[in-house]
Amino acid sequence: MRSDLPRGRSRRTLRGPVALAVCTVLAGAAGLTACGDDGGDESGPSASPRPTAPERSNFSGEPPSPLASKASEAESAASEAAASAEASASRRAHDFEASVSADVERNRQEYRKALDSADGQGNAMKDVSLTGKPLAQTDNVRALVVHITNSTDQKASYAVQVDFSDADGKVVESTVVGARDLDPGERAQPLAISTKPPEPHLTAKIAKAQRY
C-alpha cells in the first residue's frame, strides 16, 4: 500500500523528532555535545569541559584561615614584645645593680675616712649596737644587724667598724658600714656581713663608731 505523503516529506517529518530524542539522550548522559535542528549544520559548537577540583591527596594540611593567620601574627608579635621586655628589664637590673654597687663602695670609702679621723673608738659608741641573724635565715652567711640611732638634735651621718675575732681573740676580718644624713631620732639598720665560712665560730663586736 502506498502512502499519500510524498516520500521526501515523510522522511523529513520523522527525522526531526528522532534527531531531537537522540540529542536529548546524549545531552542528559554526557552533556558534552550540542545538537542542531533539522536542516541546519549538525556539527554545532562543542561545550567547554567542566573544571574539576584538584585532588586533595596532592596537598597536606589545611590552608590557614584569615583568623588563624591573624592569631599567628599576634602570637609572634606578643612573643617578640615579651623577649624585648625581658631583655630591657635585664639591662635595667644590671644597670641598677652596678649603680648600687658604685654607691655602696663610694659610701664605704667615706665611712673609712670618717673612722680614720676618729679618736679612739669614736664619738658614737653609745648610738650603735649589734644583733646577730641566725645562719638558717641567711643561707649560712654570717650577718649582723648594726642598729644606729641619731641621738643628737641635728642631722648626722655615722660610720661603724665591725671586727670578727676567732676563739683566741684575734681579729680575722673587719667590715665597715654606716648611715648618711640621719635626722634627729632617726634609725638605720645596715648589715655587717662576713666573708668567712660559718665554721669555726667567730665573735663580732663594734670596734669603732664615728658620728660626723
N, C-alpha and C. Protein backbone atom coordinates (compact mmCIF):
# COMPACT_ATOMS: atom_id res chain seq x y z
N MET A 1 0.85 -1.19 0.00
CA MET A 1 0.00 0.00 0.00
C MET A 1 0.87 1.21 0.00
N ARG A 2 0.59 2.20 -0.80
CA ARG A 2 1.41 3.39 -0.93
C ARG A 2 0.85 4.50 -0.08
N SER A 3 1.71 5.20 0.58
CA SER A 3 1.28 6.35 1.41
C SER A 3 1.00 7.52 0.52
N ASP A 4 0.02 8.37 0.98
CA ASP A 4 -0.34 9.55 0.20
C ASP A 4 0.68 10.65 0.37
N LEU A 5 1.51 10.55 1.39
CA LEU A 5 2.53 11.59 1.63
C LEU A 5 3.69 11.38 0.70
N PRO A 6 4.28 12.49 0.27
CA PRO A 6 5.47 12.33 -0.56
C PRO A 6 6.60 11.74 0.25
N ARG A 7 7.41 10.93 -0.49
CA ARG A 7 8.48 10.20 0.20
C ARG A 7 9.44 11.15 0.90
N GLY A 8 9.85 12.23 0.25
CA GLY A 8 10.83 13.14 0.88
C GLY A 8 10.29 13.83 2.09
N ARG A 9 8.99 14.20 2.02
CA ARG A 9 8.39 14.88 3.18
C ARG A 9 8.28 13.94 4.36
N SER A 10 7.93 12.68 4.10
CA SER A 10 7.81 11.72 5.19
C SER A 10 9.11 11.56 5.92
N ARG A 11 10.17 11.48 5.18
CA ARG A 11 11.47 11.31 5.84
C ARG A 11 11.86 12.54 6.65
N ARG A 12 11.54 13.71 6.08
CA ARG A 12 11.90 14.93 6.84
C ARG A 12 11.05 15.05 8.10
N THR A 13 9.78 14.64 8.00
CA THR A 13 8.89 14.74 9.16
C THR A 13 9.37 13.84 10.28
N LEU A 14 9.77 12.65 10.01
CA LEU A 14 10.23 11.73 11.03
C LEU A 14 11.62 12.07 11.54
N ARG A 15 12.38 12.64 10.64
CA ARG A 15 13.77 12.91 11.00
C ARG A 15 13.87 13.89 12.15
N GLY A 16 13.03 14.90 12.19
CA GLY A 16 13.11 15.91 13.27
C GLY A 16 12.90 15.32 14.64
N PRO A 17 11.79 14.63 14.93
CA PRO A 17 11.58 14.07 16.29
C PRO A 17 12.63 13.07 16.70
N VAL A 18 13.05 12.24 15.75
CA VAL A 18 14.05 11.23 16.10
C VAL A 18 15.36 11.88 16.48
N ALA A 19 15.75 12.86 15.67
CA ALA A 19 17.00 13.55 15.98
C ALA A 19 16.93 14.26 17.31
N LEU A 20 15.78 14.88 17.60
CA LEU A 20 15.62 15.59 18.89
C LEU A 20 15.71 14.62 20.05
N ALA A 21 15.10 13.47 19.92
CA ALA A 21 15.16 12.48 21.01
C ALA A 21 16.57 12.00 21.26
N VAL A 22 17.31 11.77 20.15
CA VAL A 22 18.69 11.31 20.30
C VAL A 22 19.52 12.37 20.98
N CYS A 23 19.34 13.62 20.60
CA CYS A 23 20.11 14.71 21.23
C CYS A 23 19.79 14.83 22.70
N THR A 24 18.51 14.66 23.04
CA THR A 24 18.13 14.75 24.46
C THR A 24 18.82 13.70 25.28
N VAL A 25 18.86 12.47 24.78
CA VAL A 25 19.50 11.37 25.50
C VAL A 25 20.99 11.63 25.66
N LEU A 26 21.61 12.05 24.56
CA LEU A 26 23.05 12.30 24.61
C LEU A 26 23.38 13.45 25.53
N ALA A 27 22.57 14.50 25.47
CA ALA A 27 22.84 15.66 26.34
C ALA A 27 22.68 15.30 27.79
N GLY A 28 21.68 14.51 28.12
CA GLY A 28 21.49 14.12 29.51
C GLY A 28 22.55 13.20 30.00
N ALA A 29 23.09 12.35 29.14
CA ALA A 29 24.09 11.38 29.56
C ALA A 29 25.46 11.97 29.71
N ALA A 30 25.88 12.80 28.77
CA ALA A 30 27.25 13.30 28.80
C ALA A 30 27.33 14.79 28.95
N GLY A 31 26.38 15.53 28.42
CA GLY A 31 26.42 16.98 28.49
C GLY A 31 27.59 17.57 27.76
N LEU A 32 28.08 16.92 26.72
CA LEU A 32 29.28 17.39 26.04
C LEU A 32 29.02 17.88 24.62
N THR A 33 27.96 17.34 23.92
CA THR A 33 27.78 17.64 22.51
C THR A 33 26.49 18.41 22.29
N ALA A 34 26.54 19.47 21.49
CA ALA A 34 25.35 20.25 21.15
C ALA A 34 24.80 19.74 19.83
N CYS A 35 23.48 19.55 19.78
CA CYS A 35 22.87 19.03 18.56
C CYS A 35 22.16 20.13 17.82
N GLY A 36 22.16 20.05 16.45
CA GLY A 36 21.47 21.05 15.63
C GLY A 36 20.08 20.56 15.25
N ASP A 37 19.25 21.47 14.78
CA ASP A 37 17.91 21.07 14.37
C ASP A 37 17.93 20.64 12.92
N ASP A 38 16.77 20.23 12.45
CA ASP A 38 16.68 19.71 11.08
C ASP A 38 16.99 20.79 10.08
N GLY A 39 17.73 20.46 9.11
CA GLY A 39 18.04 21.37 8.03
C GLY A 39 19.22 22.26 8.31
N GLY A 40 19.77 22.24 9.55
CA GLY A 40 20.94 23.08 9.87
C GLY A 40 22.21 22.29 9.86
N ASP A 41 23.26 23.01 10.27
CA ASP A 41 24.57 22.35 10.37
C ASP A 41 24.58 21.50 11.60
N GLU A 42 24.71 20.22 11.45
CA GLU A 42 24.64 19.30 12.58
C GLU A 42 25.92 19.24 13.38
N SER A 43 26.96 19.90 12.96
CA SER A 43 28.23 19.89 13.70
C SER A 43 28.35 21.16 14.52
N GLY A 44 27.43 21.40 15.49
CA GLY A 44 27.41 22.62 16.31
C GLY A 44 28.63 22.74 17.19
N PRO A 45 28.77 23.87 17.91
CA PRO A 45 29.95 24.10 18.77
C PRO A 45 30.00 23.10 19.91
N SER A 46 31.18 22.71 20.28
CA SER A 46 31.38 21.77 21.40
C SER A 46 31.29 22.51 22.71
N ALA A 47 30.65 21.90 23.74
CA ALA A 47 30.55 22.51 25.07
C ALA A 47 31.91 22.44 25.77
N SER A 48 32.24 23.49 26.56
CA SER A 48 33.50 23.50 27.31
C SER A 48 33.45 22.48 28.42
N PRO A 49 34.54 21.78 28.67
CA PRO A 49 34.54 20.77 29.76
C PRO A 49 34.47 21.47 31.11
N ARG A 50 33.76 20.85 32.04
CA ARG A 50 33.63 21.41 33.39
C ARG A 50 34.96 21.31 34.14
N PRO A 51 35.35 22.39 34.85
CA PRO A 51 36.60 22.30 35.63
C PRO A 51 36.46 21.30 36.74
N THR A 52 37.51 20.58 37.03
CA THR A 52 37.49 19.57 38.10
C THR A 52 38.33 20.06 39.26
N ALA A 53 37.90 19.70 40.46
CA ALA A 53 38.62 20.11 41.67
C ALA A 53 39.94 19.37 41.78
N PRO A 54 40.99 20.03 42.32
CA PRO A 54 42.27 19.33 42.47
C PRO A 54 42.16 18.20 43.46
N GLU A 55 42.97 17.19 43.25
CA GLU A 55 42.98 16.04 44.15
C GLU A 55 43.50 16.47 45.52
N ARG A 56 42.71 16.21 46.58
CA ARG A 56 43.14 16.58 47.93
C ARG A 56 44.38 15.83 48.35
N SER A 57 44.61 14.64 47.73
CA SER A 57 45.79 13.85 48.12
C SER A 57 47.08 14.54 47.74
N ASN A 58 46.99 15.56 46.85
CA ASN A 58 48.19 16.28 46.44
C ASN A 58 48.61 17.33 47.45
N PHE A 59 47.81 17.58 48.47
CA PHE A 59 48.09 18.62 49.45
C PHE A 59 48.15 18.01 50.84
N SER A 60 48.87 18.67 51.74
CA SER A 60 48.92 18.22 53.13
C SER A 60 48.43 19.35 54.01
N GLY A 61 47.69 19.03 55.06
CA GLY A 61 47.18 20.06 55.95
C GLY A 61 46.04 20.83 55.34
N GLU A 62 45.66 21.90 56.01
CA GLU A 62 44.60 22.77 55.54
C GLU A 62 45.14 24.17 55.36
N PRO A 63 44.67 24.89 54.36
CA PRO A 63 45.13 26.28 54.21
C PRO A 63 44.71 27.11 55.39
N PRO A 64 45.56 28.00 55.92
CA PRO A 64 45.21 28.78 57.09
C PRO A 64 44.05 29.72 56.79
N SER A 65 43.12 29.79 57.73
CA SER A 65 42.02 30.73 57.57
C SER A 65 42.51 32.13 57.92
N PRO A 66 41.80 33.18 57.52
CA PRO A 66 42.21 34.55 57.88
C PRO A 66 42.36 34.74 59.38
N LEU A 67 41.43 34.12 60.15
CA LEU A 67 41.52 34.27 61.61
C LEU A 67 42.76 33.59 62.16
N ALA A 68 43.08 32.40 61.61
CA ALA A 68 44.27 31.69 62.07
C ALA A 68 45.52 32.48 61.74
N SER A 69 45.56 33.08 60.56
CA SER A 69 46.72 33.88 60.19
C SER A 69 46.88 35.07 61.11
N LYS A 70 45.78 35.76 61.41
CA LYS A 70 45.85 36.91 62.32
C LYS A 70 46.31 36.48 63.71
N ALA A 71 45.79 35.34 64.19
CA ALA A 71 46.19 34.86 65.52
C ALA A 71 47.67 34.54 65.55
N SER A 72 48.17 33.91 64.45
CA SER A 72 49.60 33.58 64.40
C SER A 72 50.44 34.84 64.41
N GLU A 73 50.03 35.85 63.65
CA GLU A 73 50.77 37.11 63.62
C GLU A 73 50.77 37.77 65.00
N ALA A 74 49.60 37.75 65.67
CA ALA A 74 49.51 38.37 67.00
C ALA A 74 50.39 37.63 68.01
N GLU A 75 50.39 36.28 67.92
CA GLU A 75 51.22 35.49 68.84
C GLU A 75 52.71 35.79 68.62
N SER A 76 53.11 35.89 67.35
CA SER A 76 54.51 36.19 67.05
C SER A 76 54.89 37.57 67.57
N ALA A 77 53.99 38.56 67.36
CA ALA A 77 54.28 39.91 67.84
C ALA A 77 54.36 39.94 69.36
N ALA A 78 53.47 39.19 70.04
CA ALA A 78 53.49 39.16 71.51
C ALA A 78 54.77 38.51 72.01
N SER A 79 55.22 37.44 71.33
CA SER A 79 56.46 36.76 71.73
C SER A 79 57.65 37.69 71.58
N GLU A 80 57.71 38.43 70.47
CA GLU A 80 58.81 39.36 70.26
C GLU A 80 58.77 40.48 71.30
N ALA A 81 57.57 40.97 71.62
CA ALA A 81 57.45 42.03 72.62
C ALA A 81 57.89 41.55 74.00
N ALA A 82 57.52 40.29 74.34
CA ALA A 82 57.92 39.74 75.63
C ALA A 82 59.44 39.59 75.73
N ALA A 83 60.05 39.10 74.63
CA ALA A 83 61.51 38.94 74.63
C ALA A 83 62.19 40.29 74.75
N SER A 84 61.65 41.29 74.07
CA SER A 84 62.23 42.63 74.16
C SER A 84 62.10 43.20 75.56
N ALA A 85 60.91 42.99 76.18
CA ALA A 85 60.69 43.49 77.53
C ALA A 85 61.61 42.81 78.53
N GLU A 86 61.82 41.49 78.35
CA GLU A 86 62.72 40.75 79.25
C GLU A 86 64.15 41.25 79.14
N ALA A 87 64.60 41.47 77.90
CA ALA A 87 65.96 41.98 77.69
C ALA A 87 66.11 43.37 78.29
N SER A 88 65.07 44.19 78.13
CA SER A 88 65.12 45.55 78.68
C SER A 88 65.16 45.51 80.20
N ALA A 89 64.35 44.63 80.81
CA ALA A 89 64.34 44.51 82.27
C ALA A 89 65.69 44.02 82.78
N SER A 90 66.30 43.07 82.03
CA SER A 90 67.61 42.57 82.43
C SER A 90 68.65 43.68 82.40
N ARG A 91 68.59 44.51 81.34
CA ARG A 91 69.55 45.62 81.25
C ARG A 91 69.35 46.61 82.39
N ARG A 92 68.08 46.91 82.69
CA ARG A 92 67.81 47.85 83.78
C ARG A 92 68.29 47.30 85.11
N ALA A 93 68.06 45.99 85.34
CA ALA A 93 68.51 45.38 86.59
C ALA A 93 70.03 45.43 86.71
N HIS A 94 70.70 45.12 85.59
CA HIS A 94 72.17 45.16 85.61
C HIS A 94 72.66 46.58 85.88
N ASP A 95 72.05 47.56 85.22
CA ASP A 95 72.46 48.95 85.42
C ASP A 95 72.20 49.39 86.86
N PHE A 96 71.05 48.95 87.41
CA PHE A 96 70.71 49.32 88.78
C PHE A 96 71.70 48.70 89.76
N GLU A 97 72.01 47.41 89.53
CA GLU A 97 72.96 46.73 90.41
C GLU A 97 74.33 47.41 90.37
N ALA A 98 74.76 47.78 89.17
CA ALA A 98 76.04 48.47 89.04
C ALA A 98 76.01 49.80 89.75
N SER A 99 74.88 50.52 89.64
CA SER A 99 74.75 51.81 90.30
C SER A 99 74.77 51.66 91.81
N VAL A 100 74.04 50.63 92.31
CA VAL A 100 74.01 50.39 93.75
C VAL A 100 75.40 50.02 94.26
N SER A 101 76.10 49.14 93.52
CA SER A 101 77.44 48.74 93.92
C SER A 101 78.38 49.94 93.98
N ALA A 102 78.25 50.83 92.99
CA ALA A 102 79.09 52.03 92.98
C ALA A 102 78.78 52.92 94.18
N ASP A 103 77.48 53.06 94.50
CA ASP A 103 77.09 53.88 95.66
C ASP A 103 77.60 53.27 96.96
N VAL A 104 77.50 51.92 97.07
CA VAL A 104 77.95 51.24 98.28
C VAL A 104 79.45 51.44 98.47
N GLU A 105 80.20 51.29 97.40
CA GLU A 105 81.65 51.44 97.50
C GLU A 105 82.02 52.88 97.82
N ARG A 106 81.33 53.84 97.19
CA ARG A 106 81.60 55.25 97.47
C ARG A 106 81.30 55.58 98.93
N ASN A 107 80.19 55.07 99.46
CA ASN A 107 79.85 55.31 100.86
C ASN A 107 80.86 54.64 101.80
N ARG A 108 81.29 53.44 101.42
CA ARG A 108 82.26 52.73 102.27
C ARG A 108 83.57 53.52 102.38
N GLN A 109 84.00 54.11 101.28
CA GLN A 109 85.21 54.93 101.32
C GLN A 109 85.01 56.14 102.24
N GLU A 110 83.81 56.71 102.19
CA GLU A 110 83.50 57.85 103.07
C GLU A 110 83.51 57.42 104.53
N TYR A 111 82.94 56.24 104.82
CA TYR A 111 82.91 55.76 106.20
C TYR A 111 84.33 55.48 106.72
N ARG A 112 85.15 54.89 105.87
CA ARG A 112 86.53 54.61 106.30
C ARG A 112 87.27 55.91 106.61
N LYS A 113 87.07 56.90 105.80
CA LYS A 113 87.72 58.19 106.02
C LYS A 113 87.28 58.79 107.36
N ALA A 114 85.97 58.68 107.67
CA ALA A 114 85.46 59.20 108.94
C ALA A 114 86.06 58.42 110.12
N LEU A 115 86.18 57.10 109.98
CA LEU A 115 86.74 56.29 111.06
C LEU A 115 88.23 56.56 111.25
N ASP A 116 88.93 56.83 110.17
CA ASP A 116 90.36 57.12 110.28
C ASP A 116 90.61 58.40 111.08
N SER A 117 89.65 59.30 111.04
CA SER A 117 89.81 60.57 111.77
C SER A 117 89.25 60.52 113.19
N ALA A 118 88.72 59.34 113.60
CA ALA A 118 88.13 59.23 114.93
C ALA A 118 89.21 59.10 116.01
N ASP A 119 88.90 59.61 117.20
CA ASP A 119 89.76 59.45 118.36
C ASP A 119 89.34 58.19 119.10
N GLY A 120 90.29 57.25 119.25
CA GLY A 120 89.97 56.02 119.96
C GLY A 120 88.89 55.24 119.22
N GLN A 121 87.83 54.92 119.97
CA GLN A 121 86.72 54.17 119.39
C GLN A 121 85.68 55.09 118.71
N GLY A 122 85.93 56.38 118.74
CA GLY A 122 84.99 57.29 118.10
C GLY A 122 84.02 57.92 119.07
N ASN A 123 83.19 58.85 118.57
CA ASN A 123 82.29 59.62 119.43
C ASN A 123 80.85 59.11 119.42
N ALA A 124 80.61 57.90 118.86
CA ALA A 124 79.21 57.46 118.74
C ALA A 124 79.00 56.02 119.18
N MET A 125 79.86 55.52 120.06
CA MET A 125 79.72 54.13 120.51
C MET A 125 78.38 53.89 121.19
N LYS A 126 77.88 54.91 121.91
CA LYS A 126 76.61 54.73 122.63
C LYS A 126 75.40 54.76 121.69
N ASP A 127 75.60 55.15 120.41
CA ASP A 127 74.48 55.24 119.47
C ASP A 127 74.33 54.00 118.60
N VAL A 128 75.20 53.00 118.80
CA VAL A 128 75.17 51.81 117.92
C VAL A 128 75.14 50.54 118.74
N SER A 129 74.60 49.47 118.15
CA SER A 129 74.57 48.15 118.79
C SER A 129 74.47 47.09 117.69
N LEU A 130 74.69 45.82 118.09
CA LEU A 130 74.68 44.70 117.15
C LEU A 130 73.62 43.68 117.51
N THR A 131 73.01 43.06 116.50
CA THR A 131 72.11 41.92 116.69
C THR A 131 72.45 40.88 115.62
N GLY A 132 72.75 39.65 116.07
CA GLY A 132 73.09 38.60 115.12
C GLY A 132 71.85 38.04 114.43
N LYS A 133 72.04 37.53 113.22
CA LYS A 133 70.96 36.87 112.49
C LYS A 133 71.28 35.39 112.42
N PRO A 134 70.29 34.50 112.64
CA PRO A 134 70.55 33.06 112.57
C PRO A 134 71.06 32.66 111.18
N LEU A 135 72.01 31.74 111.16
CA LEU A 135 72.57 31.28 109.88
C LEU A 135 71.51 30.65 108.99
N ALA A 136 70.48 30.05 109.61
CA ALA A 136 69.41 29.42 108.83
C ALA A 136 68.63 30.46 108.01
N GLN A 137 68.64 31.70 108.46
CA GLN A 137 67.93 32.77 107.75
C GLN A 137 68.78 33.45 106.71
N THR A 138 70.08 33.19 106.73
CA THR A 138 70.99 33.88 105.81
C THR A 138 71.74 32.92 104.89
N ASP A 139 71.23 31.67 104.79
CA ASP A 139 71.87 30.66 103.94
C ASP A 139 73.32 30.45 104.36
N ASN A 140 73.55 30.33 105.69
CA ASN A 140 74.86 30.07 106.28
C ASN A 140 75.88 31.19 106.04
N VAL A 141 75.38 32.38 105.82
CA VAL A 141 76.26 33.56 105.73
C VAL A 141 76.18 34.30 107.05
N ARG A 142 77.35 34.59 107.62
CA ARG A 142 77.38 35.29 108.90
C ARG A 142 77.05 36.77 108.67
N ALA A 143 75.92 37.22 109.22
CA ALA A 143 75.49 38.61 109.05
C ALA A 143 74.93 39.14 110.37
N LEU A 144 75.21 40.41 110.63
CA LEU A 144 74.72 41.05 111.84
C LEU A 144 74.05 42.37 111.48
N VAL A 145 72.99 42.68 112.21
CA VAL A 145 72.30 43.95 112.02
C VAL A 145 72.97 45.00 112.91
N VAL A 146 73.40 46.10 112.28
CA VAL A 146 74.01 47.20 113.04
C VAL A 146 72.92 48.25 113.25
N HIS A 147 72.52 48.42 114.51
CA HIS A 147 71.47 49.38 114.85
C HIS A 147 72.12 50.74 115.12
N ILE A 148 71.73 51.73 114.35
CA ILE A 148 72.27 53.09 114.51
C ILE A 148 71.13 54.04 114.80
N THR A 149 71.27 54.83 115.84
CA THR A 149 70.25 55.83 116.19
C THR A 149 70.91 57.18 116.37
N ASN A 150 70.40 58.18 115.69
CA ASN A 150 70.93 59.54 115.85
C ASN A 150 70.33 60.13 117.13
N SER A 151 71.14 60.15 118.16
CA SER A 151 70.67 60.62 119.47
C SER A 151 70.84 62.13 119.65
N THR A 152 71.30 62.82 118.62
CA THR A 152 71.52 64.26 118.71
C THR A 152 70.29 65.01 118.21
N ASP A 153 70.35 66.35 118.32
CA ASP A 153 69.25 67.18 117.83
C ASP A 153 69.56 67.78 116.46
N GLN A 154 70.54 67.22 115.78
CA GLN A 154 70.90 67.69 114.45
C GLN A 154 71.08 66.51 113.50
N LYS A 155 70.95 66.79 112.21
CA LYS A 155 71.17 65.73 111.22
C LYS A 155 72.64 65.31 111.28
N ALA A 156 72.87 63.98 111.16
CA ALA A 156 74.24 63.48 111.27
C ALA A 156 74.40 62.20 110.46
N SER A 157 75.65 61.89 110.11
CA SER A 157 75.99 60.64 109.44
C SER A 157 76.85 59.80 110.39
N TYR A 158 76.82 58.47 110.19
CA TYR A 158 77.53 57.56 111.08
C TYR A 158 78.37 56.57 110.28
N ALA A 159 79.53 56.26 110.83
CA ALA A 159 80.40 55.22 110.28
C ALA A 159 80.72 54.24 111.39
N VAL A 160 80.59 52.93 111.08
CA VAL A 160 80.77 51.90 112.11
C VAL A 160 81.71 50.82 111.58
N GLN A 161 82.69 50.44 112.40
CA GLN A 161 83.59 49.33 112.05
C GLN A 161 83.25 48.13 112.93
N VAL A 162 83.00 46.97 112.28
CA VAL A 162 82.69 45.74 113.00
C VAL A 162 83.84 44.77 112.77
N ASP A 163 84.41 44.24 113.90
CA ASP A 163 85.50 43.28 113.83
C ASP A 163 84.99 41.87 114.13
N PHE A 164 85.53 40.88 113.42
CA PHE A 164 85.22 39.48 113.66
C PHE A 164 86.48 38.81 114.20
N SER A 165 86.35 38.19 115.38
CA SER A 165 87.51 37.59 116.05
C SER A 165 87.31 36.09 116.24
N ASP A 166 88.44 35.34 116.22
CA ASP A 166 88.35 33.90 116.44
C ASP A 166 88.34 33.59 117.94
N ALA A 167 88.44 32.30 118.26
CA ALA A 167 88.36 31.88 119.66
C ALA A 167 89.51 32.42 120.50
N ASP A 168 90.63 32.77 119.88
CA ASP A 168 91.78 33.32 120.60
C ASP A 168 91.71 34.84 120.72
N GLY A 169 90.63 35.45 120.21
CA GLY A 169 90.51 36.90 120.29
C GLY A 169 91.23 37.63 119.16
N LYS A 170 91.75 36.88 118.21
CA LYS A 170 92.45 37.51 117.10
C LYS A 170 91.45 37.98 116.05
N VAL A 171 91.58 39.24 115.62
CA VAL A 171 90.69 39.79 114.59
C VAL A 171 91.09 39.19 113.24
N VAL A 172 90.16 38.48 112.64
CA VAL A 172 90.44 37.83 111.35
C VAL A 172 89.75 38.56 110.20
N GLU A 173 88.86 39.47 110.53
CA GLU A 173 88.16 40.20 109.46
C GLU A 173 87.50 41.45 110.05
N SER A 174 87.45 42.52 109.25
CA SER A 174 86.78 43.75 109.63
C SER A 174 85.92 44.23 108.47
N THR A 175 84.80 44.80 108.78
CA THR A 175 83.95 45.38 107.75
C THR A 175 83.43 46.72 108.23
N VAL A 176 83.11 47.59 107.28
CA VAL A 176 82.66 48.95 107.60
C VAL A 176 81.28 49.18 107.01
N VAL A 177 80.38 49.70 107.83
CA VAL A 177 79.03 50.07 107.38
C VAL A 177 78.73 51.46 107.91
N GLY A 178 77.58 51.96 107.60
CA GLY A 178 77.22 53.29 108.10
C GLY A 178 75.86 53.73 107.63
N ALA A 179 75.54 54.97 107.94
CA ALA A 179 74.28 55.58 107.53
C ALA A 179 74.53 57.07 107.33
N ARG A 180 73.91 57.61 106.28
CA ARG A 180 74.15 59.01 105.95
C ARG A 180 72.91 59.85 106.18
N ASP A 181 73.17 61.06 106.70
CA ASP A 181 72.14 62.10 106.83
C ASP A 181 70.90 61.63 107.58
N LEU A 182 71.13 61.10 108.79
CA LEU A 182 70.00 60.72 109.64
C LEU A 182 69.46 61.94 110.36
N ASP A 183 68.14 62.08 110.35
CA ASP A 183 67.51 63.17 111.11
C ASP A 183 67.58 62.86 112.61
N PRO A 184 67.39 63.85 113.47
CA PRO A 184 67.39 63.60 114.92
C PRO A 184 66.38 62.51 115.28
N GLY A 185 66.84 61.52 116.02
CA GLY A 185 65.98 60.41 116.42
C GLY A 185 65.80 59.33 115.36
N GLU A 186 66.26 59.56 114.16
CA GLU A 186 66.08 58.57 113.09
C GLU A 186 67.01 57.38 113.28
N ARG A 187 66.54 56.22 112.82
CA ARG A 187 67.32 55.00 112.97
C ARG A 187 67.66 54.39 111.60
N ALA A 188 68.76 53.62 111.58
CA ALA A 188 69.17 52.88 110.39
C ALA A 188 69.66 51.52 110.83
N GLN A 189 69.53 50.51 109.94
CA GLN A 189 69.93 49.14 110.28
C GLN A 189 70.70 48.48 109.14
N PRO A 190 71.90 48.95 108.85
CA PRO A 190 72.70 48.29 107.82
C PRO A 190 73.18 46.92 108.31
N LEU A 191 73.58 46.07 107.36
CA LEU A 191 74.08 44.74 107.69
C LEU A 191 75.60 44.69 107.61
N ALA A 192 76.21 44.10 108.64
CA ALA A 192 77.65 43.82 108.61
C ALA A 192 77.79 42.34 108.26
N ILE A 193 78.37 42.05 107.08
CA ILE A 193 78.43 40.69 106.56
C ILE A 193 79.87 40.22 106.50
N SER A 194 80.09 39.00 107.01
CA SER A 194 81.42 38.39 106.99
C SER A 194 81.56 37.51 105.75
N THR A 195 82.74 37.49 105.17
CA THR A 195 83.02 36.63 104.02
C THR A 195 83.63 35.30 104.45
N LYS A 196 83.82 35.12 105.77
CA LYS A 196 84.40 33.89 106.28
C LYS A 196 83.34 32.80 106.36
N PRO A 197 83.76 31.52 106.30
CA PRO A 197 82.79 30.42 106.43
C PRO A 197 82.18 30.41 107.82
N PRO A 198 81.01 29.78 107.97
CA PRO A 198 80.33 29.79 109.27
C PRO A 198 81.09 29.05 110.37
N GLU A 199 81.94 28.16 109.98
CA GLU A 199 82.79 27.44 110.95
C GLU A 199 84.25 27.65 110.59
N PRO A 200 85.12 27.87 111.58
CA PRO A 200 84.84 27.94 113.02
C PRO A 200 84.08 29.22 113.41
N HIS A 201 83.54 29.17 114.58
CA HIS A 201 82.73 30.28 115.07
C HIS A 201 83.59 31.53 115.26
N LEU A 202 83.02 32.68 114.89
CA LEU A 202 83.67 33.97 115.07
C LEU A 202 82.79 34.86 115.94
N THR A 203 83.44 35.72 116.69
CA THR A 203 82.72 36.67 117.55
C THR A 203 82.82 38.05 116.93
N ALA A 204 81.66 38.71 116.83
CA ALA A 204 81.61 40.06 116.23
C ALA A 204 81.43 41.09 117.32
N LYS A 205 82.08 42.22 117.14
CA LYS A 205 81.91 43.36 118.07
C LYS A 205 82.14 44.66 117.33
N ILE A 206 81.60 45.76 117.89
CA ILE A 206 81.79 47.08 117.31
C ILE A 206 83.16 47.59 117.78
N ALA A 207 84.03 47.85 116.83
CA ALA A 207 85.37 48.34 117.17
C ALA A 207 85.41 49.86 117.21
N LYS A 208 84.70 50.51 116.28
CA LYS A 208 84.66 51.98 116.22
C LYS A 208 83.30 52.44 115.75
N ALA A 209 82.90 53.63 116.19
CA ALA A 209 81.67 54.26 115.72
C ALA A 209 81.87 55.76 115.74
N GLN A 210 81.78 56.37 114.59
CA GLN A 210 82.04 57.80 114.49
C GLN A 210 80.82 58.52 113.89
N ARG A 211 80.44 59.58 114.58
CA ARG A 211 79.36 60.45 114.08
C ARG A 211 80.04 61.66 113.43
N TYR A 212 79.59 62.06 112.26
CA TYR A 212 80.22 63.18 111.57
C TYR A 212 79.20 63.99 110.78
